[in-house]
Amino acid sequence: MAGELSEAVAAAQAGDEDAFRFLYRTLQPSLLRYLTALVGADAEDVASETWLQISRDLPSFTGGEFRAWTVTIARNRAMDHLRRQSRRPSLPVPVHALSELAGDADTAERAGETIGTDAALALIATLPPREAEAVLLRAVIGLDAETAGRVLGRRPGAVRTAAHRGLRRLAGLIERYDPSQQPGAPESSAPPRPRGDRRRQVPHAEPADG
């Protein structure tokens, strides 16, 4: 995949529109999931702004990890959007949708496998911000710890630790889900919410260290 991306980037820089469409089709799904966790329902708009900037700045891209370059642009656009809106979006956790996540397999691995679902993204939004972004960059975008660290301005070991803790915390939320609560249950039996009865808001992603 890395080789294909590099070839497509070079071709797109030379003006190949098909190559640019390949880059979009390859990266857009994970970028959109990442942005959904950061800005909620405005993810499509922020993704559009991101690709406009990618298109404009592509000729100046001089190499390195293209996926990390694109997610850095997406993160910056998301932070700008949140500042303009002066809000901290919240993603409700659809607990009834988590039944498919429960299982006998190792829960951290299971969480990683289902990370792209709406339910998993909503749960990630309840994690501490450092852990949430580490999980998103490692499990959703697919960056290694060193590259994710460059995006966040943190040491690779710190990103690796935050991602591990976030996955374990996510696994705990899944384990606490009551599978007897299914869609269509009597209205009087309200579904439980992870970690008590409070819905947390997605805090602003933290600025890079230093």
N, C-alpha and C. Protein backbone atom coordinates (compact mmCIF):
# COMPACT_ATOMS: atom_id res chain seq x y z
N MET A 1 0.83 -1.21 0.00
CA MET A 1 0.00 0.00 0.00
C MET A 1 0.87 1.26 0.00
N ALA A 2 1.94 1.24 0.79
CA ALA A 2 2.81 2.42 0.85
C ALA A 2 3.39 2.73 -0.52
N GLY A 3 3.79 1.66 -1.26
CA GLY A 3 4.34 1.86 -2.59
C GLY A 3 3.32 2.44 -3.54
N GLU A 4 2.09 1.92 -3.48
CA GLU A 4 1.01 2.43 -4.33
C GLU A 4 0.73 3.89 -4.04
N LEU A 5 0.71 4.22 -2.74
CA LEU A 5 0.45 5.61 -2.37
C LEU A 5 1.53 6.53 -2.90
N SER A 6 2.79 6.12 -2.74
CA SER A 6 3.90 6.95 -3.21
C SER A 6 3.82 7.19 -4.72
N GLU A 7 3.50 6.12 -5.47
CA GLU A 7 3.38 6.26 -6.91
C GLU A 7 2.22 7.17 -7.28
N ALA A 8 1.11 7.01 -6.56
CA ALA A 8 -0.07 7.84 -6.84
C ALA A 8 0.21 9.30 -6.50
N VAL A 9 0.94 9.55 -5.42
CA VAL A 9 1.28 10.92 -5.04
C VAL A 9 2.12 11.57 -6.14
N ALA A 10 3.14 10.85 -6.61
CA ALA A 10 4.00 11.40 -7.66
C ALA A 10 3.20 11.69 -8.92
N ALA A 11 2.30 10.77 -9.27
CA ALA A 11 1.50 10.98 -10.48
C ALA A 11 0.54 12.14 -10.30
N ALA A 12 -0.06 12.24 -9.11
CA ALA A 12 -0.99 13.34 -8.85
C ALA A 12 -0.27 14.68 -8.89
N GLN A 13 0.95 14.72 -8.38
CA GLN A 13 1.72 15.96 -8.42
C GLN A 13 2.02 16.37 -9.86
N ALA A 14 2.08 15.38 -10.74
CA ALA A 14 2.34 15.66 -12.16
C ALA A 14 1.05 15.99 -12.91
N GLY A 15 -0.06 16.03 -12.18
CA GLY A 15 -1.32 16.43 -12.81
C GLY A 15 -2.24 15.29 -13.20
N ASP A 16 -1.95 14.07 -12.78
CA ASP A 16 -2.79 12.91 -13.11
C ASP A 16 -4.04 12.91 -12.22
N GLU A 17 -5.19 13.21 -12.81
CA GLU A 17 -6.43 13.29 -12.03
C GLU A 17 -6.87 11.94 -11.51
N ASP A 18 -6.63 10.87 -12.27
CA ASP A 18 -6.97 9.53 -11.81
C ASP A 18 -6.18 9.17 -10.56
N ALA A 19 -4.92 9.59 -10.52
CA ALA A 19 -4.08 9.31 -9.35
C ALA A 19 -4.62 10.05 -8.13
N PHE A 20 -5.06 11.28 -8.33
CA PHE A 20 -5.62 12.03 -7.20
C PHE A 20 -6.90 11.38 -6.71
N ARG A 21 -7.74 10.88 -7.64
CA ARG A 21 -8.97 10.20 -7.23
C ARG A 21 -8.64 8.93 -6.45
N PHE A 22 -7.55 8.25 -6.83
CA PHE A 22 -7.11 7.06 -6.09
C PHE A 22 -6.73 7.44 -4.66
N LEU A 23 -6.00 8.54 -4.51
CA LEU A 23 -5.63 9.00 -3.18
C LEU A 23 -6.87 9.30 -2.35
N TYR A 24 -7.83 9.95 -2.96
CA TYR A 24 -9.07 10.29 -2.25
C TYR A 24 -9.81 9.03 -1.81
N ARG A 25 -10.00 8.10 -2.73
CA ARG A 25 -10.74 6.87 -2.40
C ARG A 25 -10.03 6.06 -1.33
N THR A 26 -8.70 6.11 -1.33
CA THR A 26 -7.93 5.32 -0.37
C THR A 26 -7.96 5.94 1.03
N LEU A 27 -7.85 7.25 1.11
CA LEU A 27 -7.67 7.91 2.40
C LEU A 27 -8.95 8.49 3.00
N GLN A 28 -9.92 8.83 2.17
CA GLN A 28 -11.11 9.50 2.67
C GLN A 28 -11.87 8.72 3.75
N PRO A 29 -12.09 7.40 3.62
CA PRO A 29 -12.86 6.71 4.65
C PRO A 29 -12.27 6.83 6.05
N SER A 30 -10.97 6.64 6.19
CA SER A 30 -10.36 6.73 7.52
C SER A 30 -10.28 8.17 7.99
N LEU A 31 -10.03 9.12 7.07
CA LEU A 31 -10.02 10.53 7.46
C LEU A 31 -11.40 10.95 7.97
N LEU A 32 -12.44 10.46 7.32
CA LEU A 32 -13.79 10.83 7.73
C LEU A 32 -14.13 10.27 9.11
N ARG A 33 -13.69 9.05 9.39
CA ARG A 33 -13.92 8.48 10.73
C ARG A 33 -13.17 9.28 11.79
N TYR A 34 -11.93 9.65 11.47
CA TYR A 34 -11.13 10.44 12.39
C TYR A 34 -11.81 11.78 12.67
N LEU A 35 -12.26 12.45 11.61
CA LEU A 35 -12.89 13.76 11.77
C LEU A 35 -14.24 13.66 12.48
N THR A 36 -14.95 12.56 12.27
CA THR A 36 -16.22 12.37 12.97
C THR A 36 -16.02 12.38 14.47
N ALA A 37 -14.92 11.75 14.93
CA ALA A 37 -14.64 11.72 16.37
C ALA A 37 -14.25 13.11 16.88
N LEU A 38 -13.70 13.95 16.01
CA LEU A 38 -13.26 15.28 16.44
C LEU A 38 -14.37 16.33 16.35
N VAL A 39 -15.13 16.31 15.26
CA VAL A 39 -16.10 17.40 15.04
C VAL A 39 -17.53 16.91 14.85
N GLY A 40 -17.78 15.63 15.02
CA GLY A 40 -19.14 15.11 14.95
C GLY A 40 -19.75 15.23 13.57
N ALA A 41 -20.99 15.77 13.53
CA ALA A 41 -21.76 15.81 12.30
C ALA A 41 -21.16 16.71 11.23
N ASP A 42 -20.20 17.54 11.60
CA ASP A 42 -19.57 18.45 10.63
C ASP A 42 -18.37 17.82 9.92
N ALA A 43 -18.19 16.52 10.11
CA ALA A 43 -17.01 15.85 9.56
C ALA A 43 -16.93 15.97 8.04
N GLU A 44 -18.07 15.84 7.35
CA GLU A 44 -18.05 15.93 5.89
C GLU A 44 -17.55 17.30 5.43
N ASP A 45 -18.02 18.35 6.08
CA ASP A 45 -17.60 19.70 5.70
C ASP A 45 -16.10 19.89 5.94
N VAL A 46 -15.63 19.42 7.09
CA VAL A 46 -14.20 19.57 7.40
C VAL A 46 -13.37 18.72 6.45
N ALA A 47 -13.87 17.55 6.10
CA ALA A 47 -13.15 16.70 5.15
C ALA A 47 -13.04 17.40 3.79
N SER A 48 -14.10 18.08 3.38
CA SER A 48 -14.05 18.82 2.11
C SER A 48 -12.99 19.91 2.16
N GLU A 49 -12.93 20.64 3.28
CA GLU A 49 -11.91 21.67 3.45
C GLU A 49 -10.51 21.04 3.40
N THR A 50 -10.40 19.86 4.02
CA THR A 50 -9.12 19.17 4.04
C THR A 50 -8.65 18.83 2.65
N TRP A 51 -9.54 18.26 1.83
CA TRP A 51 -9.13 17.86 0.48
C TRP A 51 -8.88 19.06 -0.43
N LEU A 52 -9.56 20.15 -0.18
CA LEU A 52 -9.25 21.36 -0.94
C LEU A 52 -7.81 21.81 -0.66
N GLN A 53 -7.43 21.76 0.63
CA GLN A 53 -6.06 22.16 0.96
C GLN A 53 -5.05 21.15 0.44
N ILE A 54 -5.39 19.86 0.53
CA ILE A 54 -4.48 18.84 -0.01
C ILE A 54 -4.25 19.08 -1.49
N SER A 55 -5.33 19.35 -2.22
CA SER A 55 -5.21 19.60 -3.66
C SER A 55 -4.35 20.83 -3.93
N ARG A 56 -4.55 21.88 -3.13
CA ARG A 56 -3.80 23.12 -3.33
C ARG A 56 -2.32 22.97 -2.99
N ASP A 57 -2.04 22.22 -1.89
CA ASP A 57 -0.67 22.13 -1.40
C ASP A 57 0.10 20.93 -1.92
N LEU A 58 -0.56 20.05 -2.66
CA LEU A 58 0.11 18.83 -3.12
C LEU A 58 1.40 19.09 -3.88
N PRO A 59 1.46 20.10 -4.76
CA PRO A 59 2.73 20.33 -5.46
C PRO A 59 3.90 20.62 -4.52
N SER A 60 3.62 21.12 -3.32
CA SER A 60 4.70 21.45 -2.39
C SER A 60 5.06 20.29 -1.47
N PHE A 61 4.33 19.18 -1.56
CA PHE A 61 4.66 18.03 -0.73
C PHE A 61 5.98 17.45 -1.20
N THR A 62 6.92 17.33 -0.26
CA THR A 62 8.29 16.96 -0.66
C THR A 62 8.69 15.55 -0.24
N GLY A 63 7.73 14.76 0.15
CA GLY A 63 8.07 13.39 0.53
C GLY A 63 7.77 13.12 1.99
N GLY A 64 8.08 11.91 2.42
CA GLY A 64 7.75 11.50 3.78
C GLY A 64 6.48 10.68 3.78
N GLU A 65 5.84 10.60 4.93
CA GLU A 65 4.62 9.81 5.09
C GLU A 65 3.42 10.63 4.62
N PHE A 66 2.90 10.31 3.44
CA PHE A 66 1.80 11.09 2.88
C PHE A 66 0.54 10.99 3.75
N ARG A 67 0.30 9.81 4.31
CA ARG A 67 -0.88 9.63 5.16
C ARG A 67 -0.80 10.55 6.37
N ALA A 68 0.39 10.67 6.95
CA ALA A 68 0.56 11.55 8.10
C ALA A 68 0.38 13.01 7.70
N TRP A 69 0.86 13.37 6.51
CA TRP A 69 0.69 14.74 6.02
C TRP A 69 -0.78 15.08 5.89
N THR A 70 -1.57 14.17 5.32
CA THR A 70 -2.99 14.44 5.13
C THR A 70 -3.73 14.52 6.47
N VAL A 71 -3.38 13.66 7.41
CA VAL A 71 -4.11 13.69 8.68
C VAL A 71 -3.72 14.92 9.49
N THR A 72 -2.51 15.43 9.31
CA THR A 72 -2.11 16.67 9.97
C THR A 72 -2.95 17.83 9.44
N ILE A 73 -3.16 17.86 8.13
CA ILE A 73 -4.01 18.90 7.54
C ILE A 73 -5.43 18.76 8.08
N ALA A 74 -5.94 17.53 8.13
CA ALA A 74 -7.29 17.30 8.63
C ALA A 74 -7.43 17.74 10.07
N ARG A 75 -6.43 17.44 10.88
CA ARG A 75 -6.47 17.82 12.30
C ARG A 75 -6.47 19.35 12.44
N ASN A 76 -5.64 20.02 11.66
CA ASN A 76 -5.59 21.48 11.73
C ASN A 76 -6.92 22.10 11.30
N ARG A 77 -7.53 21.54 10.24
CA ARG A 77 -8.82 22.06 9.79
C ARG A 77 -9.89 21.81 10.86
N ALA A 78 -9.82 20.66 11.53
CA ALA A 78 -10.79 20.37 12.59
C ALA A 78 -10.64 21.34 13.75
N MET A 79 -9.39 21.64 14.14
CA MET A 79 -9.18 22.57 15.24
C MET A 79 -9.65 23.98 14.87
N ASP A 80 -9.43 24.38 13.61
CA ASP A 80 -9.92 25.68 13.16
C ASP A 80 -11.45 25.71 13.21
N HIS A 81 -12.06 24.63 12.79
CA HIS A 81 -13.52 24.55 12.78
C HIS A 81 -14.07 24.66 14.20
N LEU A 82 -13.47 23.94 15.14
CA LEU A 82 -13.94 24.00 16.52
C LEU A 82 -13.77 25.39 17.12
N ARG A 83 -12.67 26.05 16.77
CA ARG A 83 -12.48 27.42 17.28
C ARG A 83 -13.53 28.36 16.70
N ARG A 84 -13.84 28.20 15.42
CA ARG A 84 -14.86 29.06 14.80
C ARG A 84 -16.23 28.82 15.43
N GLN A 85 -16.52 27.57 15.71
CA GLN A 85 -17.83 27.24 16.27
C GLN A 85 -17.90 27.51 17.77
N SER A 86 -16.73 27.65 18.41
CA SER A 86 -16.66 27.86 19.86
C SER A 86 -17.50 26.83 20.61
N ARG A 87 -17.29 25.60 20.26
CA ARG A 87 -18.06 24.54 20.91
C ARG A 87 -17.22 23.28 21.05
N ARG A 88 -17.71 22.40 21.87
CA ARG A 88 -17.10 21.08 22.02
C ARG A 88 -18.18 20.05 21.68
N PRO A 89 -18.12 19.48 20.48
CA PRO A 89 -19.20 18.59 20.07
C PRO A 89 -19.21 17.31 20.89
N SER A 90 -20.38 16.75 21.06
CA SER A 90 -20.49 15.47 21.76
C SER A 90 -21.11 14.45 20.84
N LEU A 91 -20.63 13.22 20.93
CA LEU A 91 -21.20 12.12 20.17
C LEU A 91 -21.93 11.21 21.14
N PRO A 92 -23.25 11.06 21.02
CA PRO A 92 -23.96 10.17 21.91
C PRO A 92 -23.51 8.73 21.69
N VAL A 93 -23.49 7.96 22.73
CA VAL A 93 -23.09 6.57 22.65
C VAL A 93 -24.33 5.70 22.46
N PRO A 94 -24.54 5.13 21.26
CA PRO A 94 -25.71 4.30 21.02
C PRO A 94 -25.52 2.92 21.62
N VAL A 95 -25.81 2.77 22.90
CA VAL A 95 -25.47 1.55 23.62
C VAL A 95 -26.12 0.33 22.99
N HIS A 96 -27.36 0.48 22.50
CA HIS A 96 -28.03 -0.68 21.94
C HIS A 96 -27.30 -1.23 20.73
N ALA A 97 -26.43 -0.43 20.10
CA ALA A 97 -25.72 -0.88 18.91
C ALA A 97 -24.45 -1.64 19.24
N LEU A 98 -24.15 -1.79 20.52
CA LEU A 98 -22.88 -2.40 20.90
C LEU A 98 -22.95 -3.91 21.03
N SER A 99 -24.13 -4.51 20.84
CA SER A 99 -24.24 -5.95 21.04
C SER A 99 -23.29 -6.71 20.13
N GLU A 100 -23.09 -6.18 18.91
CA GLU A 100 -22.22 -6.86 17.96
C GLU A 100 -20.76 -6.79 18.40
N LEU A 101 -20.42 -5.89 19.32
CA LEU A 101 -19.04 -5.76 19.76
C LEU A 101 -18.69 -6.71 20.89
N ALA A 102 -19.72 -7.22 21.57
CA ALA A 102 -19.46 -8.11 22.70
C ALA A 102 -19.07 -9.49 22.17
N GLY A 103 -18.16 -10.15 22.83
CA GLY A 103 -17.75 -11.47 22.39
C GLY A 103 -16.76 -12.07 23.35
N ASP A 104 -16.34 -13.29 23.04
CA ASP A 104 -15.42 -13.99 23.92
C ASP A 104 -13.97 -13.71 23.58
N ALA A 105 -13.74 -13.09 22.43
CA ALA A 105 -12.36 -12.81 22.04
C ALA A 105 -11.77 -11.74 22.94
N ASP A 106 -10.45 -11.62 22.89
CA ASP A 106 -9.79 -10.58 23.67
C ASP A 106 -10.41 -9.24 23.33
N THR A 107 -10.84 -8.53 24.35
CA THR A 107 -11.66 -7.34 24.11
C THR A 107 -10.88 -6.20 23.48
N ALA A 108 -9.62 -6.05 23.81
CA ALA A 108 -8.85 -4.98 23.19
C ALA A 108 -8.69 -5.24 21.69
N GLU A 109 -8.41 -6.50 21.35
CA GLU A 109 -8.29 -6.83 19.94
C GLU A 109 -9.63 -6.65 19.24
N ARG A 110 -10.70 -7.06 19.93
CA ARG A 110 -12.04 -6.92 19.38
C ARG A 110 -12.37 -5.45 19.13
N ALA A 111 -11.99 -4.61 20.07
CA ALA A 111 -12.24 -3.18 19.91
C ALA A 111 -11.52 -2.65 18.68
N GLY A 112 -10.27 -3.10 18.50
CA GLY A 112 -9.52 -2.65 17.33
C GLY A 112 -10.15 -3.10 16.04
N GLU A 113 -10.71 -4.31 16.02
CA GLU A 113 -11.32 -4.83 14.80
C GLU A 113 -12.57 -4.06 14.42
N THR A 114 -13.28 -3.52 15.40
CA THR A 114 -14.56 -2.87 15.14
C THR A 114 -14.46 -1.35 15.23
N ILE A 115 -13.24 -0.85 15.17
CA ILE A 115 -12.99 0.56 15.45
C ILE A 115 -13.69 1.49 14.47
N GLY A 116 -14.04 0.99 13.27
CA GLY A 116 -14.65 1.84 12.28
C GLY A 116 -16.15 2.00 12.42
N THR A 117 -16.79 1.26 13.33
CA THR A 117 -18.23 1.35 13.45
C THR A 117 -18.62 2.64 14.17
N ASP A 118 -19.86 3.08 13.92
CA ASP A 118 -20.35 4.28 14.58
C ASP A 118 -20.31 4.13 16.10
N ALA A 119 -20.68 2.93 16.58
CA ALA A 119 -20.70 2.71 18.02
C ALA A 119 -19.30 2.85 18.61
N ALA A 120 -18.30 2.26 17.92
CA ALA A 120 -16.94 2.34 18.44
C ALA A 120 -16.43 3.77 18.42
N LEU A 121 -16.74 4.52 17.35
CA LEU A 121 -16.31 5.91 17.29
C LEU A 121 -16.93 6.73 18.41
N ALA A 122 -18.19 6.44 18.72
CA ALA A 122 -18.85 7.15 19.80
C ALA A 122 -18.18 6.84 21.13
N LEU A 123 -17.78 5.59 21.32
CA LEU A 123 -17.09 5.23 22.56
C LEU A 123 -15.72 5.88 22.65
N ILE A 124 -15.01 5.93 21.52
CA ILE A 124 -13.70 6.57 21.51
C ILE A 124 -13.83 8.02 21.96
N ALA A 125 -14.95 8.65 21.59
CA ALA A 125 -15.16 10.05 21.95
C ALA A 125 -15.28 10.25 23.45
N THR A 126 -15.52 9.19 24.21
CA THR A 126 -15.62 9.32 25.65
C THR A 126 -14.27 9.14 26.34
N LEU A 127 -13.24 8.75 25.60
CA LEU A 127 -11.92 8.54 26.20
C LEU A 127 -11.26 9.88 26.51
N PRO A 128 -10.28 9.87 27.43
CA PRO A 128 -9.47 11.08 27.63
C PRO A 128 -8.86 11.50 26.29
N PRO A 129 -8.73 12.79 26.04
CA PRO A 129 -8.34 13.26 24.70
C PRO A 129 -7.03 12.69 24.17
N ARG A 130 -6.01 12.55 25.03
CA ARG A 130 -4.74 12.00 24.54
C ARG A 130 -4.91 10.55 24.09
N GLU A 131 -5.68 9.78 24.85
CA GLU A 131 -5.91 8.39 24.49
C GLU A 131 -6.77 8.29 23.24
N ALA A 132 -7.79 9.14 23.15
CA ALA A 132 -8.69 9.10 22.00
C ALA A 132 -7.94 9.35 20.70
N GLU A 133 -7.11 10.39 20.67
CA GLU A 133 -6.39 10.70 19.44
C GLU A 133 -5.35 9.63 19.11
N ALA A 134 -4.72 9.07 20.14
CA ALA A 134 -3.75 8.01 19.89
C ALA A 134 -4.43 6.79 19.27
N VAL A 135 -5.59 6.42 19.80
CA VAL A 135 -6.34 5.29 19.25
C VAL A 135 -6.76 5.59 17.82
N LEU A 136 -7.26 6.79 17.58
CA LEU A 136 -7.70 7.15 16.24
C LEU A 136 -6.56 7.09 15.22
N LEU A 137 -5.42 7.67 15.59
CA LEU A 137 -4.30 7.70 14.64
C LEU A 137 -3.70 6.32 14.42
N ARG A 138 -3.66 5.51 15.48
CA ARG A 138 -3.06 4.18 15.35
C ARG A 138 -4.02 3.17 14.72
N ALA A 139 -5.28 3.13 15.22
CA ALA A 139 -6.20 2.08 14.80
C ALA A 139 -7.08 2.48 13.62
N VAL A 140 -7.39 3.76 13.50
CA VAL A 140 -8.27 4.21 12.42
C VAL A 140 -7.47 4.65 11.20
N ILE A 141 -6.51 5.55 11.42
CA ILE A 141 -5.70 6.03 10.30
C ILE A 141 -4.64 5.02 9.90
N GLY A 142 -4.13 4.26 10.86
CA GLY A 142 -3.14 3.24 10.55
C GLY A 142 -1.70 3.71 10.61
N LEU A 143 -1.45 4.78 11.37
CA LEU A 143 -0.07 5.28 11.50
C LEU A 143 0.67 4.46 12.55
N ASP A 144 1.98 4.32 12.36
CA ASP A 144 2.78 3.70 13.41
C ASP A 144 3.01 4.72 14.52
N ALA A 145 3.54 4.26 15.64
CA ALA A 145 3.66 5.13 16.81
C ALA A 145 4.59 6.32 16.53
N GLU A 146 5.65 6.09 15.77
CA GLU A 146 6.60 7.17 15.49
C GLU A 146 5.95 8.26 14.63
N THR A 147 5.20 7.83 13.60
CA THR A 147 4.55 8.80 12.72
C THR A 147 3.43 9.53 13.44
N ALA A 148 2.64 8.78 14.21
CA ALA A 148 1.57 9.41 15.00
C ALA A 148 2.16 10.42 15.98
N GLY A 149 3.32 10.09 16.54
CA GLY A 149 3.98 11.01 17.46
C GLY A 149 4.37 12.30 16.79
N ARG A 150 4.81 12.22 15.53
CA ARG A 150 5.16 13.45 14.80
C ARG A 150 3.92 14.30 14.55
N VAL A 151 2.80 13.67 14.24
CA VAL A 151 1.57 14.41 14.02
C VAL A 151 1.15 15.15 15.28
N LEU A 152 1.28 14.48 16.42
CA LEU A 152 0.82 15.04 17.69
C LEU A 152 1.88 15.82 18.43
N GLY A 153 3.13 15.75 17.96
CA GLY A 153 4.21 16.42 18.68
C GLY A 153 4.55 15.75 19.99
N ARG A 154 4.43 14.41 20.01
CA ARG A 154 4.72 13.64 21.22
C ARG A 154 5.67 12.50 20.91
N ARG A 155 6.28 11.95 21.96
CA ARG A 155 7.21 10.85 21.77
C ARG A 155 6.46 9.58 21.35
N PRO A 156 7.08 8.76 20.50
CA PRO A 156 6.43 7.52 20.07
C PRO A 156 5.99 6.64 21.24
N GLY A 157 6.84 6.56 22.27
CA GLY A 157 6.48 5.73 23.42
C GLY A 157 5.23 6.24 24.13
N ALA A 158 5.09 7.56 24.19
CA ALA A 158 3.91 8.14 24.84
C ALA A 158 2.66 7.86 24.02
N VAL A 159 2.78 7.91 22.70
CA VAL A 159 1.64 7.61 21.84
C VAL A 159 1.26 6.14 21.96
N ARG A 160 2.27 5.27 21.97
CA ARG A 160 2.02 3.84 22.08
C ARG A 160 1.32 3.52 23.40
N THR A 161 1.78 4.13 24.47
CA THR A 161 1.17 3.90 25.78
C THR A 161 -0.26 4.42 25.81
N ALA A 162 -0.48 5.62 25.26
CA ALA A 162 -1.82 6.20 25.26
C ALA A 162 -2.79 5.35 24.44
N ALA A 163 -2.31 4.83 23.29
CA ALA A 163 -3.17 3.99 22.47
C ALA A 163 -3.52 2.70 23.19
N HIS A 164 -2.53 2.10 23.88
CA HIS A 164 -2.79 0.87 24.62
C HIS A 164 -3.80 1.11 25.73
N ARG A 165 -3.60 2.17 26.48
CA ARG A 165 -4.53 2.47 27.57
C ARG A 165 -5.93 2.76 27.02
N GLY A 166 -5.99 3.49 25.90
CA GLY A 166 -7.28 3.80 25.31
C GLY A 166 -8.01 2.56 24.86
N LEU A 167 -7.29 1.61 24.24
CA LEU A 167 -7.92 0.38 23.80
C LEU A 167 -8.40 -0.45 24.98
N ARG A 168 -7.61 -0.48 26.05
CA ARG A 168 -8.03 -1.23 27.22
C ARG A 168 -9.26 -0.59 27.87
N ARG A 169 -9.27 0.75 27.90
CA ARG A 169 -10.42 1.44 28.48
C ARG A 169 -11.66 1.20 27.60
N LEU A 170 -11.46 1.23 26.29
CA LEU A 170 -12.55 0.96 25.36
C LEU A 170 -13.07 -0.46 25.53
N ALA A 171 -12.15 -1.39 25.73
CA ALA A 171 -12.55 -2.77 25.95
C ALA A 171 -13.40 -2.90 27.21
N GLY A 172 -13.02 -2.15 28.25
CA GLY A 172 -13.79 -2.19 29.48
C GLY A 172 -15.21 -1.68 29.29
N LEU A 173 -15.36 -0.64 28.47
CA LEU A 173 -16.70 -0.11 28.18
C LEU A 173 -17.54 -1.16 27.47
N ILE A 174 -16.91 -1.87 26.53
CA ILE A 174 -17.63 -2.90 25.80
C ILE A 174 -18.03 -4.05 26.72
N GLU A 175 -17.10 -4.43 27.61
CA GLU A 175 -17.39 -5.54 28.52
C GLU A 175 -18.54 -5.22 29.45
N ARG A 176 -18.68 -3.93 29.81
CA ARG A 176 -19.75 -3.55 30.74
C ARG A 176 -21.10 -3.43 30.07
N TYR A 177 -21.10 -3.54 28.74
CA TYR A 177 -22.38 -3.47 28.05
C TYR A 177 -23.23 -4.69 28.39
N ASP A 178 -24.53 -4.46 28.62
CA ASP A 178 -25.48 -5.53 28.93
C ASP A 178 -26.12 -6.00 27.63
N PRO A 179 -25.77 -7.19 27.12
CA PRO A 179 -26.29 -7.64 25.83
C PRO A 179 -27.78 -7.89 25.83
N SER A 180 -28.42 -7.93 27.00
CA SER A 180 -29.87 -8.13 27.04
C SER A 180 -30.62 -6.89 26.58
N GLN A 181 -29.91 -5.74 26.56
CA GLN A 181 -30.53 -4.50 26.11
C GLN A 181 -30.42 -4.44 24.59
N GLN A 182 -31.48 -4.76 23.91
CA GLN A 182 -31.50 -4.79 22.46
C GLN A 182 -32.48 -3.76 21.92
N PRO A 183 -32.36 -3.38 20.66
CA PRO A 183 -33.35 -2.49 20.08
C PRO A 183 -34.73 -3.12 20.17
N GLY A 184 -35.73 -2.34 20.50
CA GLY A 184 -37.07 -2.86 20.62
C GLY A 184 -37.42 -3.29 22.02
N ALA A 185 -36.51 -3.10 22.98
CA ALA A 185 -36.81 -3.43 24.37
C ALA A 185 -37.88 -2.48 24.88
N PRO A 186 -38.63 -2.88 25.93
CA PRO A 186 -39.66 -2.00 26.47
C PRO A 186 -39.11 -0.62 26.80
N GLU A 187 -39.93 0.41 26.51
CA GLU A 187 -39.45 1.78 26.71
C GLU A 187 -39.10 2.05 28.17
N SER A 188 -39.74 1.34 29.08
CA SER A 188 -39.51 1.59 30.50
C SER A 188 -38.14 1.12 30.94
N SER A 189 -37.50 0.22 30.15
CA SER A 189 -36.18 -0.24 30.55
C SER A 189 -35.15 0.54 29.76
N ALA A 190 -34.71 1.63 30.36
CA ALA A 190 -33.75 2.51 29.68
C ALA A 190 -32.41 1.83 29.57
N PRO A 191 -31.75 1.87 28.40
CA PRO A 191 -30.44 1.23 28.24
C PRO A 191 -29.40 1.91 29.10
N PRO A 192 -28.49 1.14 29.67
CA PRO A 192 -27.44 1.73 30.50
C PRO A 192 -26.49 2.54 29.67
N ARG A 193 -25.82 3.49 30.29
CA ARG A 193 -24.78 4.26 29.61
C ARG A 193 -23.43 3.87 30.20
N PRO A 194 -22.39 3.73 29.36
CA PRO A 194 -21.08 3.38 29.88
C PRO A 194 -20.60 4.40 30.90
N ARG A 195 -19.93 3.92 31.95
CA ARG A 195 -19.28 4.75 32.94
C ARG A 195 -20.28 5.70 33.60
N GLY A 196 -21.37 5.15 34.10
CA GLY A 196 -22.32 5.96 34.83
C GLY A 196 -23.35 6.56 33.90
N ASP A 197 -24.08 7.56 34.38
CA ASP A 197 -25.20 8.10 33.65
C ASP A 197 -24.90 9.45 33.02
N ARG A 198 -23.61 9.80 32.94
CA ARG A 198 -23.24 11.08 32.36
C ARG A 198 -22.68 10.87 30.97
N ARG A 199 -23.09 11.69 30.05
CA ARG A 199 -22.48 11.67 28.73
C ARG A 199 -21.39 12.71 28.70
N ARG A 200 -20.21 12.27 28.31
CA ARG A 200 -19.10 13.20 28.26
C ARG A 200 -19.05 13.84 26.90
N GLN A 201 -18.48 15.02 26.87
CA GLN A 201 -18.30 15.69 25.60
C GLN A 201 -16.91 15.43 25.08
N VAL A 202 -16.80 15.50 23.75
CA VAL A 202 -15.48 15.36 23.15
C VAL A 202 -14.72 16.64 23.37
N PRO A 203 -13.65 16.60 24.16
CA PRO A 203 -12.88 17.84 24.37
C PRO A 203 -12.10 18.20 23.13
N HIS A 204 -11.69 19.43 23.08
CA HIS A 204 -10.80 19.81 22.00
C HIS A 204 -9.59 18.90 22.02
N ALA A 205 -9.14 18.49 20.82
CA ALA A 205 -7.90 17.73 20.75
C ALA A 205 -6.80 18.59 21.33
N GLU A 206 -5.93 17.96 22.09
CA GLU A 206 -4.91 18.73 22.77
C GLU A 206 -3.83 19.19 21.81
N PRO A 207 -3.29 20.37 21.98
CA PRO A 207 -2.22 20.84 21.10
C PRO A 207 -0.98 20.00 21.30
N ALA A 208 -0.12 20.04 20.32
CA ALA A 208 1.13 19.28 20.40
C ALA A 208 1.95 19.76 21.59
N ASP A 209 2.67 18.80 22.18
CA ASP A 209 3.53 19.14 23.31
C ASP A 209 4.61 20.09 22.86
N GLY A 210 5.00 20.97 23.78
CA GLY A 210 6.15 21.83 23.53
C GLY A 210 5.88 22.90 22.52
